[in-house]
């Protein structure tokens, strides 16, 4: 097996590489509430989501509640390595996490056998992160949850891209998820073997990739 990707719903993914387990933007328990309060936006899970394997690293793409979900993050041990944009760092520090790597677009870091390159993601309103992730056997994927592609990235071959595949709109705001528009660009940029649909919801799905 090259790696296994489990869709957790919303923006959440669990990636099982051969040596390392990675969880992305998890919402596993409790309600999802956006400021200024639940009267504005409140989401609920039908039931809590359990992970039956150890999590080695947490990867966050944004600091917004549907990516940096406080009740879920409070479940994890406080010394777990977390990679995130600046917008999430203050929230994580308040929770008590002690191993936080803050990345801006074009910056890279290494954790265990995985390398992480931050890419320019959605402007909501500040520029948030996408990521290119590779392990030490050159298994790789790209993820960005709103359908924004950093045009400055070099062309390269990746095993998978994790992206919305539909556009989502809000009144007065317009398209805030541009999945349908970004798919041709992702194919041209990364020549992926697989495209995994994210962000638009749905139940848990497991994908296994082989070379």
N, C-alpha and C. Protein backbone atom coordinates (compact mmCIF):
# COMPACT_ATOMS: atom_id res chain seq x y z
N UNK A 1 0.84 -1.20 0.00
CA UNK A 1 0.00 0.00 0.00
C UNK A 1 0.87 1.24 0.00
N UNK A 2 0.59 2.19 -0.89
CA UNK A 2 1.30 3.47 -0.92
C UNK A 2 0.86 4.34 0.26
N UNK A 3 -0.42 4.67 0.33
CA UNK A 3 -1.00 5.29 1.53
C UNK A 3 -2.52 5.13 1.46
N UNK A 4 -3.15 5.37 2.58
CA UNK A 4 -4.60 5.24 2.70
C UNK A 4 -5.17 6.56 3.17
N UNK A 5 -6.22 7.03 2.51
CA UNK A 5 -6.87 8.29 2.87
C UNK A 5 -8.31 8.02 3.28
N UNK A 6 -8.68 8.47 4.46
CA UNK A 6 -10.05 8.30 4.96
C UNK A 6 -10.69 9.68 5.07
N UNK A 7 -11.80 9.88 4.36
CA UNK A 7 -12.53 11.15 4.44
C UNK A 7 -13.40 11.14 5.70
N UNK A 8 -13.27 12.16 6.52
CA UNK A 8 -13.98 12.24 7.79
C UNK A 8 -15.20 13.14 7.73
N UNK A 9 -15.51 13.68 6.55
CA UNK A 9 -16.60 14.63 6.43
C UNK A 9 -16.09 16.05 6.59
N UNK A 10 -16.88 17.02 6.11
CA UNK A 10 -16.50 18.43 6.15
C UNK A 10 -15.14 18.60 5.48
N UNK A 11 -14.14 19.13 6.19
CA UNK A 11 -12.80 19.30 5.62
C UNK A 11 -11.81 18.25 6.13
N UNK A 12 -12.28 17.28 6.90
CA UNK A 12 -11.38 16.40 7.64
C UNK A 12 -10.92 15.18 6.85
N UNK A 13 -9.63 14.84 7.01
CA UNK A 13 -9.04 13.65 6.41
C UNK A 13 -8.08 13.00 7.39
N UNK A 14 -8.01 11.68 7.32
CA UNK A 14 -7.00 10.90 8.05
C UNK A 14 -6.16 10.18 7.01
N UNK A 15 -4.86 10.46 6.99
CA UNK A 15 -3.95 9.90 6.00
C UNK A 15 -3.01 8.92 6.71
N UNK A 16 -3.06 7.69 6.26
CA UNK A 16 -2.23 6.64 6.84
C UNK A 16 -1.10 6.28 5.87
N UNK A 17 0.08 6.88 6.09
CA UNK A 17 1.27 6.48 5.36
C UNK A 17 1.85 5.22 6.01
N UNK A 18 2.85 4.64 5.37
CA UNK A 18 3.44 3.41 5.87
C UNK A 18 3.99 3.57 7.28
N UNK A 19 4.59 4.74 7.57
CA UNK A 19 5.26 4.94 8.85
C UNK A 19 4.58 5.98 9.74
N UNK A 20 3.72 6.80 9.19
CA UNK A 20 3.22 7.97 9.91
C UNK A 20 1.75 8.20 9.61
N UNK A 21 0.98 8.56 10.65
CA UNK A 21 -0.43 8.88 10.50
C UNK A 21 -0.67 10.37 10.69
N UNK A 22 -1.42 10.94 9.77
CA UNK A 22 -1.63 12.38 9.69
C UNK A 22 -3.13 12.66 9.69
N UNK A 23 -3.58 13.61 10.52
CA UNK A 23 -4.98 14.02 10.49
C UNK A 23 -5.04 15.48 10.06
N UNK A 24 -6.01 15.81 9.20
CA UNK A 24 -6.10 17.13 8.59
C UNK A 24 -7.46 17.75 8.93
N UNK A 25 -7.44 18.98 9.45
CA UNK A 25 -8.66 19.77 9.71
C UNK A 25 -9.77 18.94 10.36
N UNK A 26 -9.49 18.27 11.48
CA UNK A 26 -10.49 17.34 12.02
C UNK A 26 -11.64 18.03 12.76
N UNK A 27 -12.84 17.54 12.51
CA UNK A 27 -14.03 17.85 13.31
C UNK A 27 -14.64 16.50 13.67
N UNK A 28 -14.36 16.07 14.91
CA UNK A 28 -14.70 14.72 15.34
C UNK A 28 -15.78 14.67 16.41
N UNK A 29 -16.02 15.78 17.09
CA UNK A 29 -17.02 15.78 18.16
C UNK A 29 -17.55 17.19 18.36
N UNK A 30 -18.72 17.29 18.97
CA UNK A 30 -19.28 18.58 19.33
C UNK A 30 -19.84 19.34 18.13
N UNK A 31 -20.39 20.51 18.42
CA UNK A 31 -20.99 21.35 17.38
C UNK A 31 -19.93 22.22 16.73
N UNK A 32 -20.25 22.69 15.54
CA UNK A 32 -19.41 23.62 14.81
C UNK A 32 -20.11 24.96 14.80
N UNK A 33 -19.53 25.96 15.45
CA UNK A 33 -20.17 27.26 15.60
C UNK A 33 -19.21 28.34 15.11
N UNK A 34 -19.72 29.20 14.22
CA UNK A 34 -18.94 30.34 13.74
C UNK A 34 -19.32 31.59 14.52
N UNK A 35 -18.34 32.45 14.83
CA UNK A 35 -18.66 33.74 15.44
C UNK A 35 -19.59 34.53 14.51
N UNK A 36 -20.51 35.32 15.07
CA UNK A 36 -20.59 35.72 16.47
C UNK A 36 -21.37 34.77 17.38
N UNK A 37 -21.94 33.68 16.86
CA UNK A 37 -22.64 32.75 17.73
C UNK A 37 -23.45 31.76 16.93
N UNK A 38 -24.09 30.83 17.63
CA UNK A 38 -24.79 29.76 16.93
C UNK A 38 -26.01 30.25 16.17
N UNK A 39 -26.50 31.45 16.50
CA UNK A 39 -27.61 32.01 15.72
C UNK A 39 -27.17 32.31 14.29
N UNK A 40 -25.86 32.54 14.09
CA UNK A 40 -25.33 32.86 12.77
C UNK A 40 -25.05 31.58 11.98
N UNK A 41 -24.33 30.64 12.60
CA UNK A 41 -24.06 29.36 11.95
C UNK A 41 -23.77 28.31 13.01
N UNK A 42 -24.48 27.19 12.91
CA UNK A 42 -24.24 26.07 13.81
C UNK A 42 -24.38 24.78 13.01
N UNK A 43 -23.35 23.93 13.07
CA UNK A 43 -23.40 22.62 12.46
C UNK A 43 -23.27 21.55 13.52
N UNK A 44 -23.89 20.40 13.29
CA UNK A 44 -23.86 19.31 14.27
C UNK A 44 -23.54 18.00 13.56
N UNK A 45 -22.79 17.15 14.24
CA UNK A 45 -22.52 15.81 13.75
C UNK A 45 -23.65 14.86 14.14
N UNK A 46 -23.96 13.90 13.27
CA UNK A 46 -24.94 12.89 13.64
C UNK A 46 -24.42 12.05 14.80
N UNK A 47 -23.11 11.80 14.82
CA UNK A 47 -22.47 11.11 15.93
C UNK A 47 -20.98 11.43 15.91
N UNK A 48 -20.35 11.29 17.08
CA UNK A 48 -18.92 11.53 17.16
C UNK A 48 -18.17 10.55 16.24
N UNK A 49 -17.02 10.99 15.74
CA UNK A 49 -16.20 10.18 14.85
C UNK A 49 -14.98 9.69 15.63
N UNK A 50 -14.73 8.40 15.58
CA UNK A 50 -13.58 7.84 16.29
C UNK A 50 -12.50 7.43 15.30
N UNK A 51 -11.25 7.58 15.71
CA UNK A 51 -10.09 7.18 14.93
C UNK A 51 -9.45 6.00 15.64
N UNK A 52 -9.32 4.87 14.94
CA UNK A 52 -8.84 3.65 15.61
C UNK A 52 -7.34 3.43 15.45
N UNK A 53 -6.63 4.46 14.98
CA UNK A 53 -5.17 4.40 14.89
C UNK A 53 -4.58 5.64 15.54
N UNK A 54 -3.32 5.52 15.97
CA UNK A 54 -2.65 6.65 16.58
C UNK A 54 -2.46 7.77 15.55
N UNK A 55 -2.59 9.00 16.00
CA UNK A 55 -2.32 10.16 15.17
C UNK A 55 -0.95 10.71 15.55
N UNK A 56 -0.07 10.84 14.56
CA UNK A 56 1.28 11.33 14.81
C UNK A 56 1.42 12.83 14.60
N UNK A 57 0.66 13.39 13.63
CA UNK A 57 0.77 14.80 13.26
C UNK A 57 -0.62 15.34 12.97
N UNK A 58 -0.86 16.60 13.35
CA UNK A 58 -2.07 17.33 12.97
C UNK A 58 -1.67 18.39 11.95
N UNK A 59 -2.40 18.46 10.84
CA UNK A 59 -2.16 19.45 9.80
C UNK A 59 -3.42 20.29 9.65
N UNK A 60 -3.28 21.61 9.80
CA UNK A 60 -4.41 22.53 9.69
C UNK A 60 -4.18 23.46 8.51
N UNK A 61 -5.22 23.65 7.70
CA UNK A 61 -5.10 24.53 6.54
C UNK A 61 -5.51 25.97 6.86
N UNK A 62 -6.38 26.16 7.86
CA UNK A 62 -6.91 27.48 8.17
C UNK A 62 -7.13 27.62 9.67
N UNK A 63 -7.38 28.85 10.09
CA UNK A 63 -7.69 29.11 11.49
C UNK A 63 -9.17 29.23 11.76
N UNK A 64 -10.03 29.07 10.76
CA UNK A 64 -11.47 29.16 10.93
C UNK A 64 -12.00 27.92 11.65
N UNK A 65 -13.17 28.04 12.32
CA UNK A 65 -13.66 26.94 13.17
C UNK A 65 -13.89 25.62 12.46
N UNK A 66 -14.18 25.65 11.15
CA UNK A 66 -14.42 24.39 10.45
C UNK A 66 -13.12 23.71 10.02
N UNK A 67 -12.00 24.32 10.33
CA UNK A 67 -10.67 23.73 10.07
C UNK A 67 -9.88 23.58 11.37
N UNK A 68 -10.06 24.52 12.25
CA UNK A 68 -9.38 24.54 13.54
C UNK A 68 -10.46 24.45 14.62
N UNK A 69 -10.99 23.23 14.82
CA UNK A 69 -12.18 23.02 15.64
C UNK A 69 -11.75 22.74 17.08
N UNK A 70 -12.01 23.68 17.96
CA UNK A 70 -11.46 23.64 19.31
C UNK A 70 -11.88 22.39 20.09
N UNK A 71 -13.17 22.01 20.16
CA UNK A 71 -13.53 20.81 20.94
C UNK A 71 -12.81 19.55 20.46
N UNK A 72 -12.60 19.44 19.15
CA UNK A 72 -11.87 18.29 18.62
C UNK A 72 -10.40 18.35 19.00
N UNK A 73 -9.77 19.49 18.81
CA UNK A 73 -8.34 19.62 19.08
C UNK A 73 -8.03 19.38 20.55
N UNK A 74 -8.95 19.72 21.43
CA UNK A 74 -8.73 19.50 22.86
C UNK A 74 -8.63 18.02 23.21
N UNK A 75 -9.02 17.12 22.29
CA UNK A 75 -8.94 15.69 22.54
C UNK A 75 -7.51 15.16 22.45
N UNK A 76 -6.64 15.87 21.75
CA UNK A 76 -5.31 15.35 21.46
C UNK A 76 -4.31 15.72 22.54
N UNK A 77 -3.25 14.90 22.66
CA UNK A 77 -2.20 15.21 23.61
C UNK A 77 -1.55 16.53 23.21
N UNK A 78 -1.08 17.27 24.19
CA UNK A 78 -0.65 18.64 23.94
C UNK A 78 0.75 18.74 23.34
N UNK A 79 1.49 17.62 23.30
CA UNK A 79 2.82 17.68 22.68
C UNK A 79 2.82 17.12 21.26
N UNK A 80 1.66 16.84 20.68
CA UNK A 80 1.62 16.32 19.33
C UNK A 80 2.07 17.41 18.36
N UNK A 81 2.90 17.09 17.36
CA UNK A 81 3.31 18.10 16.38
C UNK A 81 2.12 18.59 15.56
N UNK A 82 2.02 19.91 15.42
CA UNK A 82 0.96 20.52 14.62
C UNK A 82 1.61 21.46 13.61
N UNK A 83 1.15 21.38 12.36
CA UNK A 83 1.58 22.29 11.30
C UNK A 83 0.38 23.11 10.89
N UNK A 84 0.55 24.44 10.82
CA UNK A 84 -0.62 25.29 10.63
C UNK A 84 -0.21 26.64 10.06
N UNK A 85 -1.19 27.42 9.58
CA UNK A 85 -0.92 28.82 9.22
C UNK A 85 -0.93 29.69 10.47
N UNK A 86 -0.47 30.92 10.33
CA UNK A 86 -0.42 31.86 11.45
C UNK A 86 -1.80 32.05 12.07
N UNK A 87 -2.86 32.01 11.28
CA UNK A 87 -4.20 32.27 11.77
C UNK A 87 -4.66 31.27 12.82
N UNK A 88 -4.08 30.08 12.83
CA UNK A 88 -4.48 29.05 13.80
C UNK A 88 -3.59 29.01 15.03
N UNK A 89 -2.43 29.66 14.99
CA UNK A 89 -1.43 29.47 16.04
C UNK A 89 -1.89 29.96 17.41
N UNK A 90 -2.56 31.12 17.44
CA UNK A 90 -3.02 31.65 18.72
C UNK A 90 -4.05 30.74 19.38
N UNK A 91 -4.93 30.17 18.60
CA UNK A 91 -5.93 29.24 19.12
C UNK A 91 -5.25 28.02 19.73
N UNK A 92 -4.27 27.49 19.02
CA UNK A 92 -3.55 26.30 19.49
C UNK A 92 -2.77 26.59 20.76
N UNK A 93 -2.17 27.75 20.85
CA UNK A 93 -1.43 28.12 22.06
C UNK A 93 -2.36 28.23 23.26
N UNK A 94 -3.56 28.76 23.07
CA UNK A 94 -4.52 28.86 24.16
C UNK A 94 -4.96 27.49 24.64
N UNK A 95 -5.08 26.54 23.72
CA UNK A 95 -5.45 25.18 24.11
C UNK A 95 -4.33 24.53 24.91
N UNK A 96 -3.08 24.94 24.63
CA UNK A 96 -1.95 24.41 25.38
C UNK A 96 -0.97 23.57 24.57
N UNK A 97 -1.10 23.57 23.24
CA UNK A 97 -0.17 22.79 22.42
C UNK A 97 1.23 23.39 22.48
N UNK A 98 2.22 22.52 22.46
CA UNK A 98 3.60 22.97 22.68
C UNK A 98 4.51 22.74 21.48
N UNK A 99 4.04 22.05 20.44
CA UNK A 99 4.88 21.77 19.27
C UNK A 99 4.15 22.24 18.02
N UNK A 100 4.24 23.54 17.76
CA UNK A 100 3.49 24.18 16.67
C UNK A 100 4.48 24.71 15.64
N UNK A 101 4.35 24.25 14.40
CA UNK A 101 5.16 24.75 13.30
C UNK A 101 4.26 25.62 12.41
N UNK A 102 4.56 26.92 12.38
CA UNK A 102 3.77 27.87 11.60
C UNK A 102 4.41 28.04 10.23
N UNK A 103 3.64 27.78 9.19
CA UNK A 103 4.15 27.90 7.83
C UNK A 103 3.38 28.96 7.06
N UNK A 104 4.13 29.74 6.30
CA UNK A 104 3.57 30.63 5.29
C UNK A 104 3.75 29.98 3.92
N UNK A 105 2.97 30.41 2.90
CA UNK A 105 3.16 29.84 1.57
C UNK A 105 4.62 29.89 1.14
N UNK A 106 5.06 28.81 0.54
CA UNK A 106 6.43 28.58 0.04
C UNK A 106 7.38 28.09 1.12
N UNK A 107 6.95 28.06 2.38
CA UNK A 107 7.81 27.55 3.44
C UNK A 107 7.61 26.04 3.59
N UNK A 108 8.66 25.37 4.09
CA UNK A 108 8.65 23.92 4.22
C UNK A 108 9.06 23.51 5.63
N UNK A 109 8.65 22.32 6.00
CA UNK A 109 9.11 21.73 7.26
C UNK A 109 9.10 20.21 7.12
N UNK A 110 9.77 19.56 8.05
CA UNK A 110 9.86 18.10 8.07
C UNK A 110 9.39 17.61 9.42
N UNK A 111 8.56 16.58 9.42
CA UNK A 111 8.14 15.92 10.66
C UNK A 111 8.20 14.41 10.43
N UNK A 112 8.96 13.72 11.26
CA UNK A 112 9.15 12.28 11.08
C UNK A 112 9.65 12.03 9.65
N UNK A 113 8.98 11.19 8.90
CA UNK A 113 9.42 10.90 7.53
C UNK A 113 8.63 11.67 6.48
N UNK A 114 7.92 12.71 6.88
CA UNK A 114 7.09 13.48 5.96
C UNK A 114 7.63 14.89 5.78
N UNK A 115 7.56 15.38 4.54
CA UNK A 115 7.89 16.78 4.25
C UNK A 115 6.60 17.51 3.90
N UNK A 116 6.51 18.76 4.33
CA UNK A 116 5.33 19.59 4.12
C UNK A 116 5.76 20.90 3.46
N UNK A 117 5.14 21.22 2.35
CA UNK A 117 5.34 22.51 1.69
C UNK A 117 4.02 23.26 1.69
N UNK A 118 4.00 24.44 2.31
CA UNK A 118 2.78 25.25 2.32
C UNK A 118 2.63 25.98 0.99
N UNK A 119 1.41 26.05 0.51
CA UNK A 119 1.09 26.76 -0.73
C UNK A 119 0.05 27.83 -0.42
N UNK A 120 -0.06 28.81 -1.30
CA UNK A 120 -1.05 29.88 -1.10
C UNK A 120 -2.45 29.32 -1.32
N UNK A 121 -3.29 29.45 -0.30
CA UNK A 121 -4.65 28.92 -0.36
C UNK A 121 -5.69 30.01 -0.47
N UNK A 122 -6.81 29.80 0.20
CA UNK A 122 -7.97 30.69 0.05
C UNK A 122 -7.75 32.01 0.80
N UNK A 123 -8.20 33.14 0.22
CA UNK A 123 -8.19 34.43 0.93
C UNK A 123 -9.49 34.59 1.73
N UNK A 124 -9.46 34.30 3.05
CA UNK A 124 -10.70 34.29 3.84
C UNK A 124 -10.60 35.07 5.16
N UNK A 125 -10.25 36.33 5.24
CA UNK A 125 -9.77 37.17 4.13
C UNK A 125 -8.25 37.07 3.92
N UNK A 126 -7.49 36.69 4.99
CA UNK A 126 -6.05 36.53 4.80
C UNK A 126 -5.77 35.26 4.01
N UNK A 127 -4.62 35.20 3.37
CA UNK A 127 -4.26 34.02 2.60
C UNK A 127 -3.98 32.86 3.55
N UNK A 128 -4.73 31.78 3.40
CA UNK A 128 -4.52 30.60 4.22
C UNK A 128 -3.65 29.59 3.45
N UNK A 129 -3.58 28.36 3.94
CA UNK A 129 -2.63 27.40 3.38
C UNK A 129 -3.29 26.26 2.63
N UNK A 130 -2.63 25.84 1.56
CA UNK A 130 -2.74 24.49 1.04
C UNK A 130 -1.42 23.81 1.36
N UNK A 131 -1.28 22.54 1.01
CA UNK A 131 -0.03 21.83 1.30
C UNK A 131 0.26 20.78 0.23
N UNK A 132 1.55 20.60 -0.02
CA UNK A 132 2.04 19.41 -0.72
C UNK A 132 2.77 18.57 0.32
N UNK A 133 2.36 17.32 0.45
CA UNK A 133 2.92 16.42 1.47
C UNK A 133 3.56 15.23 0.76
N UNK A 134 4.79 14.89 1.17
CA UNK A 134 5.50 13.74 0.61
C UNK A 134 6.10 12.92 1.75
N UNK A 135 6.16 11.59 1.54
CA UNK A 135 6.89 10.78 2.50
C UNK A 135 8.27 10.44 1.93
N UNK A 136 9.05 9.66 2.66
CA UNK A 136 10.42 9.38 2.26
C UNK A 136 10.53 8.36 1.13
N UNK A 137 9.39 7.85 0.65
CA UNK A 137 9.37 6.99 -0.52
C UNK A 137 8.73 7.69 -1.72
N UNK A 138 8.58 9.03 -1.62
CA UNK A 138 8.05 9.89 -2.68
C UNK A 138 6.58 9.63 -2.98
N UNK A 139 5.83 9.12 -2.01
CA UNK A 139 4.37 9.10 -2.10
C UNK A 139 3.87 10.49 -1.74
N UNK A 140 2.88 10.99 -2.45
CA UNK A 140 2.60 12.42 -2.32
C UNK A 140 1.14 12.76 -2.57
N UNK A 141 0.73 13.90 -1.97
CA UNK A 141 -0.59 14.45 -2.29
C UNK A 141 -0.58 15.96 -2.07
N UNK A 142 -1.56 16.61 -2.67
CA UNK A 142 -1.80 18.05 -2.49
C UNK A 142 -3.18 18.21 -1.89
N UNK A 143 -3.33 19.18 -0.98
CA UNK A 143 -4.64 19.46 -0.39
C UNK A 143 -4.84 20.96 -0.26
N UNK A 144 -6.03 21.42 -0.62
CA UNK A 144 -6.47 22.80 -0.37
C UNK A 144 -7.99 22.75 -0.38
N UNK A 145 -8.66 23.25 0.68
CA UNK A 145 -10.09 22.95 0.86
C UNK A 145 -11.07 23.89 0.19
N UNK A 146 -10.61 24.97 -0.44
CA UNK A 146 -11.57 25.92 -1.02
C UNK A 146 -11.47 26.04 -2.54
N UNK A 147 -10.59 25.26 -3.16
CA UNK A 147 -10.48 25.32 -4.60
C UNK A 147 -9.62 26.45 -5.11
N UNK A 148 -8.60 26.82 -4.35
CA UNK A 148 -7.64 27.85 -4.77
C UNK A 148 -6.29 27.20 -5.01
N UNK A 149 -5.70 27.48 -6.17
CA UNK A 149 -4.42 26.90 -6.54
C UNK A 149 -3.37 27.99 -6.63
N UNK A 150 -2.24 27.76 -5.99
CA UNK A 150 -1.10 28.68 -6.05
C UNK A 150 -0.48 28.57 -7.45
N UNK A 151 -0.69 29.60 -8.27
CA UNK A 151 -0.23 29.55 -9.65
C UNK A 151 1.30 29.57 -9.76
N UNK A 152 1.99 29.93 -8.68
CA UNK A 152 3.45 30.00 -8.71
C UNK A 152 4.11 28.64 -8.49
N UNK A 153 3.34 27.62 -8.18
CA UNK A 153 3.92 26.30 -7.97
C UNK A 153 4.45 25.72 -9.29
N UNK A 154 5.56 25.01 -9.19
CA UNK A 154 6.10 24.33 -10.36
C UNK A 154 5.22 23.15 -10.74
N UNK A 155 5.20 22.83 -12.03
CA UNK A 155 4.55 21.61 -12.45
C UNK A 155 5.28 20.41 -11.85
N UNK A 156 4.53 19.44 -11.39
CA UNK A 156 5.13 18.25 -10.80
C UNK A 156 4.10 17.13 -10.78
N UNK A 157 4.55 15.91 -10.65
CA UNK A 157 3.65 14.76 -10.60
C UNK A 157 3.38 14.37 -9.15
N UNK A 158 2.11 14.30 -8.79
CA UNK A 158 1.69 13.88 -7.46
C UNK A 158 0.74 12.69 -7.59
N UNK A 159 0.71 11.87 -6.55
CA UNK A 159 -0.18 10.72 -6.57
C UNK A 159 -1.65 11.11 -6.49
N UNK A 160 -1.96 12.12 -5.68
CA UNK A 160 -3.37 12.48 -5.47
C UNK A 160 -3.50 13.97 -5.18
N UNK A 161 -4.66 14.52 -5.49
CA UNK A 161 -5.03 15.85 -5.02
C UNK A 161 -6.34 15.71 -4.25
N UNK A 162 -6.42 16.42 -3.14
CA UNK A 162 -7.62 16.45 -2.31
C UNK A 162 -8.20 17.84 -2.43
N UNK A 163 -9.38 17.95 -2.98
CA UNK A 163 -9.92 19.25 -3.37
C UNK A 163 -11.44 19.19 -3.42
N UNK A 164 -12.13 20.31 -3.22
CA UNK A 164 -13.55 20.31 -3.56
C UNK A 164 -13.71 20.14 -5.07
N UNK A 165 -14.78 19.53 -5.48
CA UNK A 165 -15.04 19.34 -6.91
C UNK A 165 -16.29 20.11 -7.37
N UNK A 166 -16.92 20.82 -6.45
CA UNK A 166 -18.10 21.63 -6.77
C UNK A 166 -17.89 23.05 -6.27
N UNK A 167 -18.63 23.98 -6.83
CA UNK A 167 -18.64 25.35 -6.33
C UNK A 167 -19.73 25.48 -5.26
N UNK A 168 -19.43 26.23 -4.21
CA UNK A 168 -20.41 26.54 -3.18
C UNK A 168 -20.51 28.06 -3.06
N UNK A 169 -21.73 28.57 -2.90
CA UNK A 169 -21.94 30.01 -2.83
C UNK A 169 -22.77 30.37 -1.61
N UNK A 170 -22.56 31.61 -1.14
CA UNK A 170 -23.38 32.19 -0.09
C UNK A 170 -23.97 33.50 -0.61
N UNK A 171 -25.21 33.85 -0.21
CA UNK A 171 -25.78 35.13 -0.61
C UNK A 171 -24.88 36.28 -0.17
N UNK A 172 -24.71 37.25 -1.03
CA UNK A 172 -23.89 38.45 -0.81
C UNK A 172 -22.39 38.17 -0.85
N UNK A 173 -22.01 36.93 -0.69
CA UNK A 173 -20.59 36.59 -0.69
C UNK A 173 -20.15 36.03 -2.04
N UNK A 174 -21.04 35.26 -2.66
CA UNK A 174 -20.69 34.61 -3.92
C UNK A 174 -19.95 33.31 -3.66
N UNK A 175 -19.16 32.88 -4.64
CA UNK A 175 -18.45 31.60 -4.53
C UNK A 175 -17.33 31.71 -3.50
N UNK A 176 -17.41 30.89 -2.46
CA UNK A 176 -16.32 30.82 -1.51
C UNK A 176 -15.60 29.48 -1.59
N UNK A 177 -16.19 28.53 -2.31
CA UNK A 177 -15.52 27.28 -2.66
C UNK A 177 -15.62 27.15 -4.18
N UNK A 178 -14.48 26.97 -4.84
CA UNK A 178 -14.43 27.02 -6.30
C UNK A 178 -13.88 25.71 -6.87
N UNK A 179 -14.47 24.61 -6.42
CA UNK A 179 -13.95 23.31 -6.81
C UNK A 179 -14.06 23.03 -8.29
N UNK A 180 -15.21 23.34 -8.89
CA UNK A 180 -15.40 23.02 -10.30
C UNK A 180 -14.42 23.78 -11.18
N UNK A 181 -14.07 25.00 -10.76
CA UNK A 181 -13.16 25.82 -11.56
C UNK A 181 -11.71 25.37 -11.46
N UNK A 182 -11.33 24.78 -10.33
CA UNK A 182 -9.92 24.48 -10.10
C UNK A 182 -9.49 23.13 -10.65
N UNK A 183 -10.42 22.21 -10.89
CA UNK A 183 -10.06 20.85 -11.30
C UNK A 183 -9.16 20.83 -12.54
N UNK A 184 -9.50 21.53 -13.63
CA UNK A 184 -8.60 21.49 -14.80
C UNK A 184 -7.20 22.03 -14.49
N UNK A 185 -7.11 23.03 -13.64
CA UNK A 185 -5.81 23.59 -13.28
C UNK A 185 -4.99 22.58 -12.47
N UNK A 186 -5.65 21.87 -11.56
CA UNK A 186 -4.95 20.87 -10.76
C UNK A 186 -4.42 19.73 -11.62
N UNK A 187 -5.22 19.30 -12.59
CA UNK A 187 -4.79 18.23 -13.47
C UNK A 187 -3.58 18.67 -14.29
N UNK A 188 -3.61 19.89 -14.79
CA UNK A 188 -2.49 20.41 -15.57
C UNK A 188 -1.24 20.59 -14.73
N UNK A 189 -1.42 21.01 -13.49
CA UNK A 189 -0.26 21.32 -12.63
C UNK A 189 0.37 20.05 -12.05
N UNK A 190 -0.44 19.08 -11.64
CA UNK A 190 0.07 17.96 -10.84
C UNK A 190 -0.06 16.59 -11.52
N UNK A 191 -0.78 16.50 -12.62
CA UNK A 191 -0.96 15.22 -13.30
C UNK A 191 -1.29 14.11 -12.31
N UNK A 192 -2.29 14.29 -11.45
CA UNK A 192 -2.54 13.31 -10.38
C UNK A 192 -3.11 12.00 -10.89
N UNK A 193 -2.77 10.92 -10.20
CA UNK A 193 -3.39 9.63 -10.50
C UNK A 193 -4.82 9.57 -9.97
N UNK A 194 -5.07 10.30 -8.86
CA UNK A 194 -6.39 10.27 -8.21
C UNK A 194 -6.79 11.68 -7.80
N UNK A 195 -8.08 11.97 -7.89
CA UNK A 195 -8.66 13.21 -7.38
C UNK A 195 -9.70 12.82 -6.32
N UNK A 196 -9.53 13.31 -5.10
CA UNK A 196 -10.42 12.99 -3.99
C UNK A 196 -11.27 14.21 -3.67
N UNK A 197 -12.58 14.03 -3.68
CA UNK A 197 -13.51 15.12 -3.44
C UNK A 197 -13.62 15.40 -1.95
N UNK A 198 -13.47 16.67 -1.58
CA UNK A 198 -13.50 17.08 -0.18
C UNK A 198 -14.45 18.25 0.01
N UNK A 199 -14.66 18.65 1.26
CA UNK A 199 -15.30 19.90 1.67
C UNK A 199 -16.82 19.89 1.55
N UNK A 200 -17.37 19.21 0.56
CA UNK A 200 -18.81 19.32 0.31
C UNK A 200 -19.64 18.39 1.17
N UNK A 201 -19.00 17.65 2.10
CA UNK A 201 -19.74 16.82 3.03
C UNK A 201 -19.86 15.38 2.55
N UNK A 202 -20.65 14.62 3.29
CA UNK A 202 -20.81 13.20 2.99
C UNK A 202 -20.21 12.36 4.10
N UNK A 203 -20.52 11.07 4.07
CA UNK A 203 -20.06 10.18 5.12
C UNK A 203 -18.62 9.77 4.95
N UNK A 204 -18.14 8.96 5.90
CA UNK A 204 -16.77 8.49 5.90
C UNK A 204 -16.51 7.59 4.69
N UNK A 205 -15.40 7.86 4.00
CA UNK A 205 -14.99 7.07 2.85
C UNK A 205 -13.51 6.75 2.99
N UNK A 206 -13.11 5.55 2.57
CA UNK A 206 -11.72 5.12 2.65
C UNK A 206 -11.21 4.89 1.23
N UNK A 207 -10.02 5.46 0.93
CA UNK A 207 -9.38 5.29 -0.37
C UNK A 207 -8.00 4.71 -0.14
N UNK A 208 -7.63 3.69 -0.91
CA UNK A 208 -6.31 3.07 -0.81
C UNK A 208 -5.59 3.22 -2.14
N UNK A 209 -4.31 3.60 -2.07
CA UNK A 209 -3.53 3.87 -3.27
C UNK A 209 -2.34 2.93 -3.33
N UNK A 210 -2.11 2.41 -4.52
CA UNK A 210 -1.00 1.48 -4.74
C UNK A 210 -0.18 1.96 -5.93
N UNK A 211 1.13 1.70 -5.88
CA UNK A 211 2.00 1.97 -7.02
C UNK A 211 2.46 0.66 -7.62
